Amino acid sequence: MSDIKFAVFASGNGSNFEAIAQAVRDGRLKGSLVLLVTDKPGAFAVNRAKALGIDVCAVNPKDFPSKAEYETAILEMLHEKEVEWLVLAGYMRLIGPVLLHAYPKRIVNVHPSLLPAFPGKDALGQAIDSGMKVTGVTIHYVDKGMDTGPVIVQEPFKIPDGWEREEIEKVIHGIEHRLYPETLNQLFAEALEETK
């Protein structure tokens, strides 16, 4: 049985994308990362993908009259690469019906809070501003809402007194970079078992 082929979707720096790619290289994540999909052709994640020899699908949503047509263009590339799972890692768009329909229960996302607390943009900033003493990381299935899909795993982090945002962010990224590949490895293994 061959490895699950998957694509990572990212809009920015791509540190989670690189952590996932590294986990595949090291054999910690059994899967084939065949594509980076980005809605921002100038994103630093694209540089990371090129350096790692991973193909890039850079599609600007502004070039399309509708979200459906934008996602259809991406879907064509995903089909061409025989992609089986979509892995969102800092992808700053809601997934629409075209991709949700094509990949039921096979789209996952990582979010830097303990959902349902602080969905959406700048979850860490929201947590800090609210005075929360505990935050963390959630990995969840994607549905049509903003970070509302079923939770797969969560890992809490107690914020030490007096810590600055940068220090907290570093720990959160560390958790994401470890937990996401581990969780994907488990999901892919389960998916392969089901096809046997």
C-alpha atoms as a PDB file:
ATOM      1  CA  MET A   1       0.000   0.000   0.000  1.00  0.00           C
ATOM      2  CA  SER A   2       1.531   3.313  -1.050  1.00  0.00           C
ATOM      3  CA  ASP A   3       1.702   6.401   1.150  1.00  0.00           C
ATOM      4  CA  ILE A   4      -1.133   8.919   1.304  1.00  0.00           C
ATOM      5  CA  LYS A   5      -0.522  11.801  -1.093  1.00  0.00           C
ATOM      6  CA  PHE A   6      -1.294  15.152   0.470  1.00  0.00           C
ATOM      7  CA  ALA A   7      -1.058  18.880  -0.209  1.00  0.00           C
ATOM      8  CA  VAL A   8      -0.314  21.608   2.315  1.00  0.00           C
ATOM      9  CA  PHE A   9      -2.177  24.925   2.015  1.00  0.00           C
ATOM     10  CA  ALA A  10      -0.361  28.007   3.378  1.00  0.00           C
ATOM     11  CA  SER A  11      -0.685  31.775   2.968  1.00  0.00           C
ATOM     12  CA  GLY A  12       2.379  33.108   4.754  1.00  0.00           C
ATOM     13  CA  ASN A  13       5.706  32.187   6.276  1.00  0.00           C
ATOM     14  CA  GLY A  14       5.204  28.420   5.973  1.00  0.00           C
ATOM     15  CA  SER A  15       6.993  27.257   9.138  1.00  0.00           C
ATOM     16  CA  ASN A  16       4.381  24.521   9.700  1.00  0.00           C
ATOM     17  CA  PHE A  17       4.684  23.524   6.043  1.00  0.00           C
ATOM     18  CA  GLU A  18       8.446  23.132   6.482  1.00  0.00           C
ATOM     19  CA  ALA A  19       8.025  21.198   9.754  1.00  0.00           C
ATOM     20  CA  ILE A  20       5.647  18.784   7.980  1.00  0.00           C
ATOM     21  CA  ALA A  21       8.002  18.426   4.996  1.00  0.00           C
ATOM     22  CA  GLN A  22      10.902  17.730   7.378  1.00  0.00           C
ATOM     23  CA  ALA A  23       8.851  15.099   9.234  1.00  0.00           C
ATOM     24  CA  VAL A  24       8.194  13.351   5.893  1.00  0.00           C
ATOM     25  CA  ARG A  25      11.914  13.478   5.062  1.00  0.00           C
ATOM     26  CA  ASP A  26      12.887  12.097   8.482  1.00  0.00           C
ATOM     27  CA  GLY A  27      10.349   9.266   8.224  1.00  0.00           C
ATOM     28  CA  ARG A  28       8.327  10.549  11.216  1.00  0.00           C
ATOM     29  CA  LEU A  29       5.372  11.205   8.916  1.00  0.00           C
ATOM     30  CA  LYS A  30       4.467   8.417   6.511  1.00  0.00           C
ATOM     31  CA  GLY A  31       2.996  10.254   3.569  1.00  0.00           C
ATOM     32  CA  SER A  32       3.924  11.943   0.297  1.00  0.00           C
ATOM     33  CA  LEU A  33       3.846  15.739   0.375  1.00  0.00           C
ATOM     34  CA  VAL A  34       3.300  16.402  -3.326  1.00  0.00           C
ATOM     35  CA  LEU A  35       2.143  20.029  -3.430  1.00  0.00           C
ATOM     36  CA  LEU A  36       2.109  23.393  -1.676  1.00  0.00           C
ATOM     37  CA  VAL A  37      -1.048  25.376  -2.443  1.00  0.00           C
ATOM     38  CA  THR A  38      -1.000  29.106  -1.731  1.00  0.00           C
ATOM     39  CA  ASP A  39      -3.372  31.991  -2.353  1.00  0.00           C
ATOM     40  CA  LYS A  40      -0.421  34.413  -2.095  1.00  0.00           C
ATOM     41  CA  PRO A  41       2.144  33.832  -4.881  1.00  0.00           C
ATOM     42  CA  GLY A  42       4.672  35.985  -2.968  1.00  0.00           C
ATOM     43  CA  ALA A  43       4.377  34.050   0.315  1.00  0.00           C
ATOM     44  CA  PHE A  44       7.644  32.920   1.927  1.00  0.00           C
ATOM     45  CA  ALA A  45       6.173  29.393   2.036  1.00  0.00           C
ATOM     46  CA  VAL A  46       6.774  29.310  -1.762  1.00  0.00           C
ATOM     47  CA  ASN A  47      10.531  29.860  -1.210  1.00  0.00           C
ATOM     48  CA  ARG A  48      10.550  27.029   1.332  1.00  0.00           C
ATOM     49  CA  ALA A  49       8.758  24.685  -1.100  1.00  0.00           C
ATOM     50  CA  LYS A  50      11.171  25.497  -3.934  1.00  0.00           C
ATOM     51  CA  ALA A  51      14.173  24.917  -1.652  1.00  0.00           C
ATOM     52  CA  LEU A  52      12.701  21.516  -0.706  1.00  0.00           C
ATOM     53  CA  GLY A  53      11.900  20.583  -4.318  1.00  0.00           C
ATOM     54  CA  ILE A  54       8.139  20.483  -3.683  1.00  0.00           C
ATOM     55  CA  ASP A  55       5.788  21.623  -6.471  1.00  0.00           C
ATOM     56  CA  VAL A  56       3.814  24.824  -5.907  1.00  0.00           C
ATOM     57  CA  CYS A  57       0.283  25.722  -6.959  1.00  0.00           C
ATOM     58  CA  ALA A  58       0.118  29.515  -6.490  1.00  0.00           C
ATOM     59  CA  VAL A  59      -3.350  30.762  -7.383  1.00  0.00           C
ATOM     60  CA  ASN A  60      -4.459  34.327  -6.697  1.00  0.00           C
ATOM     61  CA  PRO A  61      -8.189  34.405  -5.826  1.00  0.00           C
ATOM     62  CA  LYS A  62      -8.415  37.924  -7.316  1.00  0.00           C
ATOM     63  CA  ASP A  63      -7.841  36.368 -10.760  1.00  0.00           C
ATOM     64  CA  PHE A  64     -11.206  34.584 -10.557  1.00  0.00           C
ATOM     65  CA  PRO A  65     -14.767  35.935 -10.650  1.00  0.00           C
ATOM     66  CA  SER A  66     -15.922  33.622  -7.834  1.00  0.00           C
ATOM     67  CA  LYS A  67     -14.649  31.480  -4.982  1.00  0.00           C
ATOM     68  CA  ALA A  68     -16.036  28.389  -6.733  1.00  0.00           C
ATOM     69  CA  GLU A  69     -13.975  29.071  -9.860  1.00  0.00           C
ATOM     70  CA  TYR A  70     -10.878  29.776  -7.753  1.00  0.00           C
ATOM     71  CA  GLU A  71     -11.285  26.466  -5.908  1.00  0.00           C
ATOM     72  CA  THR A  72     -12.036  24.609  -9.153  1.00  0.00           C
ATOM     73  CA  ALA A  73      -8.672  25.761 -10.538  1.00  0.00           C
ATOM     74  CA  ILE A  74      -6.963  24.418  -7.395  1.00  0.00           C
ATOM     75  CA  LEU A  75      -8.971  21.191  -7.586  1.00  0.00           C
ATOM     76  CA  GLU A  76      -7.703  20.522 -11.114  1.00  0.00           C
ATOM     77  CA  MET A  77      -4.116  20.697  -9.854  1.00  0.00           C
ATOM     78  CA  LEU A  78      -4.953  18.495  -6.843  1.00  0.00           C
ATOM     79  CA  HIS A  79      -6.474  15.857  -9.148  1.00  0.00           C
ATOM     80  CA  GLU A  80      -3.470  16.061 -11.465  1.00  0.00           C
ATOM     81  CA  LYS A  81      -1.206  15.300  -8.476  1.00  0.00           C
ATOM     82  CA  GLU A  82      -3.619  12.599  -7.162  1.00  0.00           C
ATOM     83  CA  VAL A  83      -3.872  14.405  -3.819  1.00  0.00           C
ATOM     84  CA  GLU A  84      -5.906  12.493  -1.224  1.00  0.00           C
ATOM     85  CA  TRP A  85      -5.778  14.812   1.824  1.00  0.00           C
ATOM     86  CA  LEU A  86      -5.619  18.595   2.311  1.00  0.00           C
ATOM     87  CA  VAL A  87      -3.555  19.927   5.214  1.00  0.00           C
ATOM     88  CA  LEU A  88      -4.088  23.585   6.119  1.00  0.00           C
ATOM     89  CA  ALA A  89      -1.129  25.281   7.779  1.00  0.00           C
ATOM     90  CA  GLY A  90      -1.626  29.026   8.070  1.00  0.00           C
ATOM     91  CA  TYR A  91      -4.011  29.180   5.116  1.00  0.00           C
ATOM     92  CA  MET A  92      -5.985  32.360   5.679  1.00  0.00           C
ATOM     93  CA  ARG A  93      -9.133  31.560   3.665  1.00  0.00           C
ATOM     94  CA  LEU A  94     -12.282  29.675   4.476  1.00  0.00           C
ATOM     95  CA  ILE A  95     -12.546  26.476   2.451  1.00  0.00           C
ATOM     96  CA  GLY A  96     -15.605  26.580   0.188  1.00  0.00           C
ATOM     97  CA  PRO A  97     -18.090  23.971  -1.040  1.00  0.00           C
ATOM     98  CA  VAL A  98     -15.987  22.880  -4.061  1.00  0.00           C
ATOM     99  CA  LEU A  99     -13.090  21.569  -1.938  1.00  0.00           C
ATOM    100  CA  LEU A 100     -15.270  20.486   0.995  1.00  0.00           C
ATOM    101  CA  HIS A 101     -17.320  18.322  -1.369  1.00  0.00           C
ATOM    102  CA  ALA A 102     -14.211  16.875  -3.079  1.00  0.00           C
ATOM    103  CA  TYR A 103     -12.442  16.016   0.215  1.00  0.00           C
ATOM    104  CA  PRO A 104     -15.051  15.052   2.841  1.00  0.00           C
ATOM    105  CA  LYS A 105     -13.411  14.370   6.240  1.00  0.00           C
ATOM    106  CA  ARG A 106     -10.014  14.688   4.541  1.00  0.00           C
ATOM    107  CA  ILE A 107      -9.241  18.363   5.225  1.00  0.00           C
ATOM    108  CA  VAL A 108      -7.483  19.227   8.485  1.00  0.00           C
ATOM    109  CA  ASN A 109      -6.252  22.452  10.038  1.00  0.00           C
ATOM    110  CA  VAL A 110      -3.979  23.540  12.877  1.00  0.00           C
ATOM    111  CA  HIS A 111      -5.073  26.485  15.023  1.00  0.00           C
ATOM    112  CA  PRO A 112      -3.099  28.278  17.780  1.00  0.00           C
ATOM    113  CA  SER A 113      -5.764  28.185  20.502  1.00  0.00           C
ATOM    114  CA  LEU A 114      -7.867  25.698  22.405  1.00  0.00           C
ATOM    115  CA  LEU A 115     -10.969  25.849  20.214  1.00  0.00           C
ATOM    116  CA  PRO A 116     -13.778  26.798  20.481  1.00  0.00           C
ATOM    117  CA  ALA A 117     -11.961  29.672  22.239  1.00  0.00           C
ATOM    118  CA  PHE A 118     -10.472  32.304  19.936  1.00  0.00           C
ATOM    119  CA  PRO A 119     -11.284  31.157  16.400  1.00  0.00           C
ATOM    120  CA  GLY A 120     -10.188  33.196  13.393  1.00  0.00           C
ATOM    121  CA  LYS A 121      -7.269  35.557  12.940  1.00  0.00           C
ATOM    122  CA  ASP A 122      -4.666  36.317  15.607  1.00  0.00           C
ATOM    123  CA  ALA A 123      -5.888  33.727  18.088  1.00  0.00           C
ATOM    124  CA  LEU A 124      -2.833  34.291  20.265  1.00  0.00           C
ATOM    125  CA  GLY A 125      -3.452  38.039  20.389  1.00  0.00           C
ATOM    126  CA  GLN A 126      -7.082  37.345  21.320  1.00  0.00           C
ATOM    127  CA  ALA A 127      -5.953  35.017  24.137  1.00  0.00           C
ATOM    128  CA  ILE A 128      -3.392  37.515  25.488  1.00  0.00           C
ATOM    129  CA  ASP A 129      -5.852  40.431  25.321  1.00  0.00           C
ATOM    130  CA  SER A 130      -8.451  38.410  27.261  1.00  0.00           C
ATOM    131  CA  GLY A 131      -5.957  37.677  30.050  1.00  0.00           C
ATOM    132  CA  MET A 132      -6.096  33.906  29.539  1.00  0.00           C
ATOM    133  CA  LYS A 133      -3.572  31.928  31.580  1.00  0.00           C
ATOM    134  CA  VAL A 134      -3.816  28.832  29.384  1.00  0.00           C
ATOM    135  CA  THR A 135      -3.762  28.618  25.614  1.00  0.00           C
ATOM    136  CA  GLY A 136      -2.589  25.873  23.278  1.00  0.00           C
ATOM    137  CA  VAL A 137      -2.955  24.210  19.898  1.00  0.00           C
ATOM    138  CA  THR A 138      -5.933  22.509  18.249  1.00  0.00           C
ATOM    139  CA  ILE A 139      -5.904  20.220  15.232  1.00  0.00           C
ATOM    140  CA  HIS A 140      -9.359  19.799  13.737  1.00  0.00           C
ATOM    141  CA  TYR A 141     -11.292  18.706  10.680  1.00  0.00           C
ATOM    142  CA  VAL A 142     -12.390  21.544   8.422  1.00  0.00           C
ATOM    143  CA  ASP A 143     -16.028  22.341   7.770  1.00  0.00           C
ATOM    144  CA  LYS A 144     -17.674  25.399   6.236  1.00  0.00           C
ATOM    145  CA  GLY A 145     -17.290  27.511   9.388  1.00  0.00           C
ATOM    146  CA  MET A 146     -14.369  29.485  10.799  1.00  0.00           C
ATOM    147  CA  ASP A 147     -12.426  26.950  12.904  1.00  0.00           C
ATOM    148  CA  THR A 148     -15.668  25.130  13.807  1.00  0.00           C
ATOM    149  CA  GLY A 149     -14.927  21.576  12.560  1.00  0.00           C
ATOM    150  CA  PRO A 150     -14.672  18.550  14.885  1.00  0.00           C
ATOM    151  CA  VAL A 151     -11.579  18.595  17.120  1.00  0.00           C
ATOM    152  CA  ILE A 152      -9.066  15.791  16.559  1.00  0.00           C
ATOM    153  CA  VAL A 153      -6.523  16.675  19.256  1.00  0.00           C
ATOM    154  CA  GLN A 154      -5.646  19.566  21.567  1.00  0.00           C
ATOM    155  CA  GLU A 155      -2.559  20.350  23.629  1.00  0.00           C
ATOM    156  CA  PRO A 156      -2.763  23.052  26.306  1.00  0.00           C
ATOM    157  CA  PHE A 157       0.056  25.401  27.310  1.00  0.00           C
ATOM    158  CA  LYS A 158       0.060  27.342  30.608  1.00  0.00           C
ATOM    159  CA  ILE A 159       1.393  30.838  30.009  1.00  0.00           C
ATOM    160  CA  PRO A 160       4.087  31.724  32.558  1.00  0.00           C
ATOM    161  CA  ASP A 161       3.604  35.070  34.347  1.00  0.00           C
ATOM    162  CA  GLY A 162       5.282  37.997  32.668  1.00  0.00           C
ATOM    163  CA  TRP A 163       5.930  36.282  29.333  1.00  0.00           C
ATOM    164  CA  GLU A 164       5.935  38.444  26.217  1.00  0.00           C
ATOM    165  CA  ARG A 165       4.002  37.521  23.078  1.00  0.00           C
ATOM    166  CA  GLU A 166       7.189  36.423  21.233  1.00  0.00           C
ATOM    167  CA  GLU A 167       8.059  33.908  23.957  1.00  0.00           C
ATOM    168  CA  ILE A 168       4.540  32.446  23.969  1.00  0.00           C
ATOM    169  CA  GLU A 169       4.495  32.333  20.154  1.00  0.00           C
ATOM    170  CA  LYS A 170       7.767  30.366  20.102  1.00  0.00           C
ATOM    171  CA  VAL A 171       6.319  27.678  22.395  1.00  0.00           C
ATOM    172  CA  ILE A 172       3.054  27.507  20.404  1.00  0.00           C
ATOM    173  CA  HIS A 173       5.004  27.055  17.158  1.00  0.00           C
ATOM    174  CA  GLY A 174       7.068  24.324  18.824  1.00  0.00           C
ATOM    175  CA  ILE A 175       3.890  22.462  19.835  1.00  0.00           C
ATOM    176  CA  GLU A 176       2.419  22.856  16.321  1.00  0.00           C
ATOM    177  CA  HIS A 177       5.603  21.642  14.618  1.00  0.00           C
ATOM    178  CA  ARG A 178       5.620  18.462  16.742  1.00  0.00           C
ATOM    179  CA  LEU A 179       1.902  17.764  17.181  1.00  0.00           C
ATOM    180  CA  TYR A 180       0.765  18.333  13.577  1.00  0.00           C
ATOM    181  CA  PRO A 181       3.067  15.748  11.931  1.00  0.00           C
ATOM    182  CA  GLU A 182       2.314  13.241  14.741  1.00  0.00           C
ATOM    183  CA  THR A 183      -1.435  13.693  14.270  1.00  0.00           C
ATOM    184  CA  LEU A 184      -1.243  13.518  10.467  1.00  0.00           C
ATOM    185  CA  ASN A 185       0.781  10.324  10.756  1.00  0.00           C
ATOM    186  CA  GLN A 186      -1.992   8.782  12.851  1.00  0.00           C
ATOM    187  CA  LEU A 187      -4.782  10.008  10.526  1.00  0.00           C
ATOM    188  CA  PHE A 188      -3.007   8.702   7.428  1.00  0.00           C
ATOM    189  CA  ALA A 189      -2.322   5.330   9.069  1.00  0.00           C
ATOM    190  CA  GLU A 190      -6.019   5.026   9.996  1.00  0.00           C
ATOM    191  CA  ALA A 191      -7.071   6.020   6.459  1.00  0.00           C
ATOM    192  CA  LEU A 192      -4.798   3.366   4.949  1.00  0.00           C
ATOM    193  CA  GLU A 193      -6.167   0.743   7.348  1.00  0.00           C
ATOM    194  CA  GLU A 194      -9.702   1.546   6.220  1.00  0.00           C
ATOM    195  CA  THR A 195      -8.792   0.974   2.568  1.00  0.00           C
ATOM    196  CA  LYS A 196      -7.296  -2.481   3.231  1.00  0.00           C
END
